[in-house]
C-alpha atoms as a PDB file:
ATOM      1  CA  MET A   1     -11.235  11.603  12.517  1.00  0.00           C
ATOM      2  CA  PHE A   2     -11.678  13.595  15.751  1.00  0.00           C
ATOM      3  CA  HIS A   3     -10.518  10.030  17.387  1.00  0.00           C
ATOM      4  CA  LEU A   4      -7.526   9.980  14.855  1.00  0.00           C
ATOM      5  CA  LEU A   5      -6.712  12.883  15.069  1.00  0.00           C
ATOM      6  CA  HIS A   6      -6.738  13.453  19.185  1.00  0.00           C
ATOM      7  CA  TYR A   7      -4.314   9.874  19.197  1.00  0.00           C
ATOM      8  CA  GLY A   8      -1.927  11.479  16.462  1.00  0.00           C
ATOM      9  CA  LEU A   9      -3.069   9.259  13.530  1.00  0.00           C
ATOM     10  CA  MET A  10      -4.021  11.263  11.260  1.00  0.00           C
ATOM     11  CA  PRO A  11      -2.861  10.421   8.023  1.00  0.00           C
ATOM     12  CA  ARG A  12      -0.633  12.182   5.689  1.00  0.00           C
ATOM     13  CA  VAL A  13      -2.925  11.044   2.177  1.00  0.00           C
ATOM     14  CA  VAL A  14      -6.300  11.622   1.507  1.00  0.00           C
ATOM     15  CA  GLN A  15      -8.831   9.144   1.396  1.00  0.00           C
ATOM     16  CA  ASP A  16      -8.736   8.803  -2.689  1.00  0.00           C
ATOM     17  CA  GLN A  17      -5.603   9.706  -3.745  1.00  0.00           C
ATOM     18  CA  GLY A  18      -6.169   9.199  -7.586  1.00  0.00           C
ATOM     19  CA  HIS A  19      -9.548  11.160  -7.563  1.00  0.00           C
ATOM     20  CA  LYS A  20      -8.192  14.018  -6.033  1.00  0.00           C
ATOM     21  CA  PHE A  21      -5.146  13.702  -8.498  1.00  0.00           C
ATOM     22  CA  GLU A  22      -7.362  13.783 -11.419  1.00  0.00           C
ATOM     23  CA  THR A  23      -9.744  15.704 -10.571  1.00  0.00           C
ATOM     24  CA  ASP A  24      -7.401  18.641  -8.809  1.00  0.00           C
ATOM     25  CA  GLU A  25      -7.037  21.791 -10.214  1.00  0.00           C
ATOM     26  CA  LEU A  26      -3.867  22.288  -9.331  1.00  0.00           C
ATOM     27  CA  PHE A  27      -2.586  18.513 -10.054  1.00  0.00           C
ATOM     28  CA  ARG A  28      -3.946  18.643 -13.680  1.00  0.00           C
ATOM     29  CA  LYS A  29      -2.366  21.413 -14.747  1.00  0.00           C
ATOM     30  CA  LEU A  30       0.731  20.380 -12.948  1.00  0.00           C
ATOM     31  CA  CYS A  31       0.798  16.871 -14.421  1.00  0.00           C
ATOM     32  CA  GLU A  32       0.925  18.881 -18.395  1.00  0.00           C
ATOM     33  CA  ASP A  33       4.771  19.366 -18.992  1.00  0.00           C
ATOM     34  CA  SER A  34       5.415  22.009 -17.987  1.00  0.00           C
ATOM     35  CA  GLU A  35       8.383  25.421 -17.305  1.00  0.00           C
ATOM     36  CA  ILE A  36      10.504  25.294 -14.428  1.00  0.00           C
ATOM     37  CA  LYS A  37      12.959  27.835 -13.244  1.00  0.00           C
ATOM     38  CA  VAL A  38      15.406  26.592 -10.441  1.00  0.00           C
ATOM     39  CA  THR A  39      15.042  29.343  -7.456  1.00  0.00           C
ATOM     40  CA  THR A  40      17.873  28.617  -5.405  1.00  0.00           C
ATOM     41  CA  TYR A  41      21.019  31.013  -4.927  1.00  0.00           C
ATOM     42  CA  ARG A  42      19.270  34.101  -7.173  1.00  0.00           C
ATOM     43  CA  ASP A  43      22.328  35.968  -5.420  1.00  0.00           C
ATOM     44  CA  LYS A  44      24.729  34.184  -7.426  1.00  0.00           C
ATOM     45  CA  GLY A  45      26.653  35.385 -10.753  1.00  0.00           C
ATOM     46  CA  PRO A  46      25.549  32.264 -13.270  1.00  0.00           C
ATOM     47  CA  GLU A  47      28.666  30.195 -13.050  1.00  0.00           C
ATOM     48  CA  ASP A  48      28.476  30.414  -9.502  1.00  0.00           C
ATOM     49  CA  ARG A  49      24.868  29.587  -9.229  1.00  0.00           C
ATOM     50  CA  SER A  50      25.053  26.629 -11.888  1.00  0.00           C
ATOM     51  CA  GLN A  51      27.810  25.352  -9.871  1.00  0.00           C
ATOM     52  CA  ARG A  52      25.817  24.871  -6.479  1.00  0.00           C
ATOM     53  CA  PHE A  53      22.768  23.691  -8.397  1.00  0.00           C
ATOM     54  CA  VAL A  54      25.173  20.781  -9.981  1.00  0.00           C
ATOM     55  CA  ASN A  55      26.902  20.650  -5.817  1.00  0.00           C
ATOM     56  CA  ASP A  56      22.767  20.532  -4.581  1.00  0.00           C
ATOM     57  CA  VAL A  57      21.847  18.038  -6.449  1.00  0.00           C
ATOM     58  CA  LYS A  58      24.671  16.161  -6.458  1.00  0.00           C
ATOM     59  CA  GLU A  59      24.237  15.945  -3.260  1.00  0.00           C
ATOM     60  CA  GLY A  60      20.285  15.232  -2.939  1.00  0.00           C
ATOM     61  CA  HIS A  61      18.182  18.041  -2.752  1.00  0.00           C
ATOM     62  CA  THR A  62      16.840  21.456  -4.919  1.00  0.00           C
ATOM     63  CA  SER A  63      14.312  23.871  -5.297  1.00  0.00           C
ATOM     64  CA  VAL A  64      12.446  24.768  -8.687  1.00  0.00           C
ATOM     65  CA  ALA A  65       9.719  26.549  -9.344  1.00  0.00           C
ATOM     66  CA  PHE A  66       6.678  25.700 -11.993  1.00  0.00           C
ATOM     67  CA  VAL A  67       6.595  28.949 -14.223  1.00  0.00           C
ATOM     68  CA  ASN A  68       2.991  28.375 -15.332  1.00  0.00           C
ATOM     69  CA  THR A  69       1.364  28.030 -11.214  1.00  0.00           C
ATOM     70  CA  GLY A  70       4.299  29.255  -9.606  1.00  0.00           C
ATOM     71  CA  VAL A  71       4.010  25.817  -7.350  1.00  0.00           C
ATOM     72  CA  ASN A  72       7.582  26.280  -5.425  1.00  0.00           C
ATOM     73  CA  LEU A  73       9.006  22.394  -4.615  1.00  0.00           C
ATOM     74  CA  MET A  74      11.745  21.759  -2.325  1.00  0.00           C
ATOM     75  CA  LEU A  75      12.808  18.416  -4.019  1.00  0.00           C
ATOM     76  CA  GLN A  76      14.723  15.652  -2.468  1.00  0.00           C
ATOM     77  CA  PHE A  77      16.742  12.927  -5.038  1.00  0.00           C
ATOM     78  CA  PHE A  78      16.358   9.606  -2.577  1.00  0.00           C
ATOM     79  CA  PRO A  79      14.032   6.667  -2.435  1.00  0.00           C
ATOM     80  CA  PRO A  80      10.777   7.516   0.154  1.00  0.00           C
ATOM     81  CA  SER A  81      12.557   5.178   2.860  1.00  0.00           C
ATOM     82  CA  GLY A  82      15.291   8.276   3.304  1.00  0.00           C
ATOM     83  CA  PRO A  83      18.303   9.868   2.691  1.00  0.00           C
ATOM     84  CA  THR A  84      20.387   7.029   0.848  1.00  0.00           C
ATOM     85  CA  ASP A  85      24.389   7.272   0.981  1.00  0.00           C
ATOM     86  CA  LYS A  86      24.450   8.178  -2.868  1.00  0.00           C
ATOM     87  CA  VAL A  87      22.202   9.254  -4.962  1.00  0.00           C
ATOM     88  CA  THR A  88      21.515   6.788  -7.761  1.00  0.00           C
ATOM     89  CA  LYS A  89      20.933   7.228 -11.372  1.00  0.00           C
ATOM     90  CA  GLU A  90      17.041   6.582 -11.016  1.00  0.00           C
ATOM     91  CA  TYR A  91      16.580  10.269  -9.090  1.00  0.00           C
ATOM     92  CA  VAL A  92      19.543  12.251 -10.853  1.00  0.00           C
ATOM     93  CA  ASP A  93      21.491  11.954 -14.273  1.00  0.00           C
ATOM     94  CA  PHE A  94      23.522  13.561 -15.680  1.00  0.00           C
ATOM     95  CA  GLU A  95      24.449  11.551 -17.911  1.00  0.00           C
ATOM     96  CA  LYS A  96      21.202  11.040 -20.423  1.00  0.00           C
ATOM     97  CA  ASP A  97      21.098  14.479 -22.319  1.00  0.00           C
ATOM     98  CA  ILE A  98      24.697  16.681 -22.393  1.00  0.00           C
ATOM     99  CA  GLY A  99      24.052  19.553 -20.960  1.00  0.00           C
ATOM    100  CA  LYS A 100      21.059  18.538 -18.808  1.00  0.00           C
ATOM    101  CA  VAL A 101      20.274  16.859 -15.655  1.00  0.00           C
ATOM    102  CA  VAL A 102      17.296  14.753 -15.476  1.00  0.00           C
ATOM    103  CA  LEU A 103      15.301  14.748 -11.913  1.00  0.00           C
ATOM    104  CA  LYS A 104      13.155  12.504 -10.500  1.00  0.00           C
ATOM    105  CA  SER A 105      11.824  13.381  -6.623  1.00  0.00           C
ATOM    106  CA  ARG A 106       8.712  11.154  -4.775  1.00  0.00           C
ATOM    107  CA  PHE A 107       6.490  13.377  -2.139  1.00  0.00           C
ATOM    108  CA  ILE A 108       3.301  13.527  -0.965  1.00  0.00           C
ATOM    109  CA  MET A 109       1.503  16.926  -1.917  1.00  0.00           C
ATOM    110  CA  ASN A 110      -1.591  18.361  -0.628  1.00  0.00           C
ATOM    111  CA  GLY A 111      -2.264  14.437   0.817  1.00  0.00           C
ATOM    112  CA  VAL A 112      -1.494  13.035  -2.690  1.00  0.00           C
ATOM    113  CA  CYS A 113       1.234  10.836  -3.628  1.00  0.00           C
ATOM    114  CA  VAL A 114       3.597  12.286  -6.694  1.00  0.00           C
ATOM    115  CA  GLN A 115       6.760  12.026  -8.396  1.00  0.00           C
ATOM    116  CA  PHE A 116       8.147  15.057 -10.188  1.00  0.00           C
ATOM    117  CA  LYS A 117       9.921  14.152 -13.229  1.00  0.00           C
ATOM    118  CA  GLY A 118      11.669  16.640 -15.426  1.00  0.00           C
ATOM    119  CA  TRP A 119      15.000  18.105 -16.663  1.00  0.00           C
ATOM    120  CA  VAL A 120      17.340  20.937 -16.624  1.00  0.00           C
ATOM    121  CA  ASP A 121      19.391  22.594 -18.479  1.00  0.00           C
ATOM    122  CA  ILE A 122      22.546  23.491 -16.027  1.00  0.00           C
ATOM    123  CA  LYS A 123      23.981  26.733 -17.715  1.00  0.00           C
ATOM    124  CA  ARG A 124      20.285  28.482 -17.810  1.00  0.00           C
ATOM    125  CA  LEU A 125      18.809  26.689 -14.744  1.00  0.00           C
ATOM    126  CA  ASP A 126      15.560  26.546 -16.354  1.00  0.00           C
ATOM    127  CA  GLY A 127      13.978  22.768 -17.692  1.00  0.00           C
ATOM    128  CA  ILE A 128      10.304  20.956 -18.314  1.00  0.00           C
ATOM    129  CA  ALA A 129       8.863  18.809 -15.991  1.00  0.00           C
ATOM    130  CA  ARG A 130       6.091  17.767 -14.524  1.00  0.00           C
ATOM    131  CA  LEU A 131       3.902  15.598 -11.458  1.00  0.00           C
ATOM    132  CA  GLU A 132       2.088  12.265 -11.733  1.00  0.00           C
ATOM    133  CA  PHE A 133       0.678   9.988  -9.900  1.00  0.00           C
ATOM    134  CA  ASP A 134       2.504   7.678  -7.590  1.00  0.00           C
ATOM    135  CA  TYR A 135       0.909   4.211  -7.443  1.00  0.00           C
ATOM    136  CA  ASP A 136       3.655   2.660  -5.665  1.00  0.00           C
ATOM    137  CA  LEU A 137       3.827   5.344  -2.845  1.00  0.00           C
ATOM    138  CA  ALA A 138       0.268   5.870  -2.609  1.00  0.00           C
ATOM    139  CA  ASP A 139      -0.011   1.712  -1.934  1.00  0.00           C
ATOM    140  CA  GLN A 140       2.154   1.497   0.340  1.00  0.00           C
ATOM    141  CA  GLU A 141       0.824   4.932   2.843  1.00  0.00           C
ATOM    142  CA  ASP A 142      -2.393   3.076   2.202  1.00  0.00           C
ATOM    143  CA  ARG A 143      -1.305   0.267   4.068  1.00  0.00           C
ATOM    144  CA  MET A 144      -0.153   2.225   6.581  1.00  0.00           C
ATOM    145  CA  VAL A 145      -2.993   4.160   7.367  1.00  0.00           C
ATOM    146  CA  ARG A 146      -4.975   0.613   7.435  1.00  0.00           C
ATOM    147  CA  ALA A 147      -1.511  -0.635   9.846  1.00  0.00           C
ATOM    148  CA  ARG A 148      -2.571   2.897  12.072  1.00  0.00           C
ATOM    149  CA  ILE A 149      -6.037   2.434  12.175  1.00  0.00           C
ATOM    150  CA  ARG A 150      -6.196  -1.282  12.926  1.00  0.00           C
ATOM    151  CA  ASP A 151      -3.613  -1.239  15.692  1.00  0.00           C
ATOM    152  CA  TYR A 152      -6.281   2.177  17.050  1.00  0.00           C
ATOM    153  CA  GLU A 153      -8.873  -0.417  16.985  1.00  0.00           C
ATOM    154  CA  GLU A 154      -7.617  -2.820  18.896  1.00  0.00           C
ATOM    155  CA  ARG A 155      -6.045  -0.888  21.720  1.00  0.00           C
ATOM    156  CA  GLN A 156      -9.501   0.468  22.020  1.00  0.00           C
ATOM    157  CA  LEU A 157     -10.939  -2.824  22.299  1.00  0.00           C
ATOM    158  CA  LYS A 158      -8.336  -3.842  24.417  1.00  0.00           C
ATOM    159  CA  ASN A 159      -9.020  -1.011  26.752  1.00  0.00           C
ATOM    160  CA  GLU A 160     -12.163  -1.443  26.744  1.00  0.00           C
ATOM    161  CA  PHE A 161     -12.252  -4.942  27.960  1.00  0.00           C
ATOM    162  CA  SER A 162      -9.987  -3.863  30.599  1.00  0.00           C
ATOM    163  CA  LEU A 163     -12.798  -1.227  32.413  1.00  0.00           C
ATOM    164  CA  ALA A 164     -15.476  -3.585  31.419  1.00  0.00           C
ATOM    165  CA  LEU A 165     -13.426  -6.470  33.674  1.00  0.00           C
ATOM    166  CA  MET A 166     -13.086  -3.624  36.708  1.00  0.00           C
END
């Protein structure tokens, strides 16, 4: 592992993400439906805060906290490949339930690929959410790590071969 770290190849995910998600105490708490609160613009009045929250979500981001654990998350509502021109209904849905917005965000937390899924009441700025293991993103990350290790090992072999020829 030292060699991987030394050459800037430290993986973004742990080796057995599924096991960590299932056994880690924090993930076990966060995978249950839990109360959340929006954490942005606390210095503003309720109406201004609500409008700013809606604008932020439409732009593709917000911050929430899980009340039971105190975990704060800065969420982005885009595919893992990165921001797009427009936030899609897959990640932000204002139409599913009047007065609420349904949110989904995919990211890596503590070396594990997860999805945030939940909803927020637009006026009260609280709601319910949970984390789920993101099998698709975990598979993508695993393939990237394996490719980087394979490239690293090939470079090492080429270097050793070049030195042997000298």
